[in-house]
Structures are given as C-alpha cells and as structure tokens.
Amino acid sequence: MTSRPLPEIIWKKSSRCDLNNCVEVALLPDGSIGLRDSKNIDGGTLTFSPEGWTKFIGPIKGADDQGY
C-alpha cells in the first residue's frame, strides 16, 4: 500500500454502496488503478497495473455474472 496523497483524482463507487461502507476506484495519472476504503480515505491506496486490475477484478465480475 502507498500513502501518497491523491487529491486531484476522481474516485468512484458503486451506486449500490451504503454511504461510507464501500471501496472506491480511480484511474490514476500514471495509468494505474487505485483502490481505497471510503470510510478511511487517508488510510492508503492499493494500486494495480491495468493487467493486474484485470486479473483482480475478473473473478469478481464472474461471480456477479452468476447472480452472487
């Protein structure tokens, strides 16, 4: 995890999200993808390369396609 400040980043979360109990995702200036906890936005950011993000999110998207 990194603790670098990312003030100019546009963070997005699911419309199904419950107030501040979510993860937020953003495209970072260097082309990587950032992931953070909405209830602790200063707690650090996980960063993924585009390829790493695809591998990370693939099983999650597959579960959604199955109705989970």
C-alpha atoms as a PDB file:
ATOM      1  CA  MET A   1       0.000   0.000   0.000  1.00  0.00           C
ATOM      2  CA  THR A   2       1.029   3.537  -0.569  1.00  0.00           C
ATOM      3  CA  SER A   3       0.174   6.602   1.477  1.00  0.00           C
ATOM      4  CA  ARG A   4       0.756   9.190  -1.224  1.00  0.00           C
ATOM      5  CA  PRO A   5      -1.923  11.897  -1.348  1.00  0.00           C
ATOM      6  CA  LEU A   6      -4.150  11.782  -4.425  1.00  0.00           C
ATOM      7  CA  PRO A   7      -6.215  14.993  -4.154  1.00  0.00           C
ATOM      8  CA  GLU A   8      -6.939  15.539  -7.875  1.00  0.00           C
ATOM      9  CA  ILE A   9      -8.227  12.037  -8.506  1.00  0.00           C
ATOM     10  CA  ILE A  10     -11.907  11.359  -9.235  1.00  0.00           C
ATOM     11  CA  TRP A  11     -12.933   8.405  -7.089  1.00  0.00           C
ATOM     12  CA  LYS A  12     -15.982   6.336  -7.989  1.00  0.00           C
ATOM     13  CA  LYS A  13     -18.038   3.834  -6.037  1.00  0.00           C
ATOM     14  CA  SER A  14     -20.969   1.603  -6.806  1.00  0.00           C
ATOM     15  CA  SER A  15     -24.455   3.068  -6.785  1.00  0.00           C
ATOM     16  CA  ARG A  16     -25.320   0.056  -4.601  1.00  0.00           C
ATOM     17  CA  CYS A  17     -22.912   1.314  -1.960  1.00  0.00           C
ATOM     18  CA  ASP A  18     -24.150   2.026   1.575  1.00  0.00           C
ATOM     19  CA  LEU A  19     -22.986   5.570   2.497  1.00  0.00           C
ATOM     20  CA  ASN A  20     -19.337   5.222   3.590  1.00  0.00           C
ATOM     21  CA  ASN A  21     -19.028   1.456   3.715  1.00  0.00           C
ATOM     22  CA  CYS A  22     -17.557   0.924   0.261  1.00  0.00           C
ATOM     23  CA  VAL A  23     -14.453   0.654  -1.812  1.00  0.00           C
ATOM     24  CA  GLU A  24     -13.651   3.439  -4.236  1.00  0.00           C
ATOM     25  CA  VAL A  25     -11.829   3.053  -7.544  1.00  0.00           C
ATOM     26  CA  ALA A  26      -9.979   5.630  -9.627  1.00  0.00           C
ATOM     27  CA  LEU A  27      -7.857   5.844 -12.740  1.00  0.00           C
ATOM     28  CA  LEU A  28      -4.567   7.389 -11.619  1.00  0.00           C
ATOM     29  CA  PRO A  29      -2.483   9.837 -13.697  1.00  0.00           C
ATOM     30  CA  ASP A  30       0.149   7.194 -14.459  1.00  0.00           C
ATOM     31  CA  GLY A  31      -2.485   4.842 -15.914  1.00  0.00           C
ATOM     32  CA  SER A  32      -2.674   2.559 -12.907  1.00  0.00           C
ATOM     33  CA  ILE A  33      -5.869   1.871 -10.973  1.00  0.00           C
ATOM     34  CA  GLY A  34      -6.288   2.945  -7.347  1.00  0.00           C
ATOM     35  CA  LEU A  35      -8.482   1.236  -4.773  1.00  0.00           C
ATOM     36  CA  ARG A  36      -9.263   2.649  -1.319  1.00  0.00           C
ATOM     37  CA  ASP A  37     -11.680   2.299   1.598  1.00  0.00           C
ATOM     38  CA  SER A  38     -14.337   5.038   1.579  1.00  0.00           C
ATOM     39  CA  LYS A  39     -14.532   5.186   5.373  1.00  0.00           C
ATOM     40  CA  ASN A  40     -10.752   5.718   5.672  1.00  0.00           C
ATOM     41  CA  ILE A  41      -9.679   7.622   2.572  1.00  0.00           C
ATOM     42  CA  ASP A  42      -6.366   8.642   4.148  1.00  0.00           C
ATOM     43  CA  GLY A  43      -5.580   5.060   5.150  1.00  0.00           C
ATOM     44  CA  GLY A  44      -3.703   4.208   1.976  1.00  0.00           C
ATOM     45  CA  THR A  45      -4.359   3.224  -1.596  1.00  0.00           C
ATOM     46  CA  LEU A  46      -3.822  -0.110  -3.283  1.00  0.00           C
ATOM     47  CA  THR A  47      -2.537   0.390  -6.807  1.00  0.00           C
ATOM     48  CA  PHE A  48      -2.791  -2.029  -9.710  1.00  0.00           C
ATOM     49  CA  SER A  49      -1.364  -2.031 -13.205  1.00  0.00           C
ATOM     50  CA  PRO A  50      -4.092  -2.334 -15.854  1.00  0.00           C
ATOM     51  CA  GLU A  51      -3.149  -6.002 -16.285  1.00  0.00           C
ATOM     52  CA  GLY A  52      -3.153  -6.584 -12.534  1.00  0.00           C
ATOM     53  CA  TRP A  53      -6.557  -4.917 -12.213  1.00  0.00           C
ATOM     54  CA  THR A  54      -7.995  -7.175 -14.915  1.00  0.00           C
ATOM     55  CA  LYS A  55      -6.710 -10.240 -13.069  1.00  0.00           C
ATOM     56  CA  PHE A  56      -8.011  -8.930  -9.730  1.00  0.00           C
ATOM     57  CA  ILE A  57     -11.492  -7.969 -10.919  1.00  0.00           C
ATOM     58  CA  GLY A  58     -12.024 -10.940 -13.263  1.00  0.00           C
ATOM     59  CA  PRO A  59     -13.222 -13.421 -10.611  1.00  0.00           C
ATOM     60  CA  ILE A  60     -15.407 -10.744  -9.009  1.00  0.00           C
ATOM     61  CA  LYS A  61     -17.100  -9.952 -12.317  1.00  0.00           C
ATOM     62  CA  GLY A  62     -17.563 -13.672 -12.909  1.00  0.00           C
ATOM     63  CA  ALA A  63     -19.347 -14.038  -9.560  1.00  0.00           C
ATOM     64  CA  ASP A  64     -21.645 -11.136 -10.453  1.00  0.00           C
ATOM     65  CA  ASP A  65     -22.493 -12.775 -13.776  1.00  0.00           C
ATOM     66  CA  GLN A  66     -23.591 -15.855 -11.829  1.00  0.00           C
ATOM     67  CA  GLY A  67     -26.001 -13.827  -9.718  1.00  0.00           C
ATOM     68  CA  TYR A  68     -23.981 -13.707  -6.490  1.00  0.00           C
END
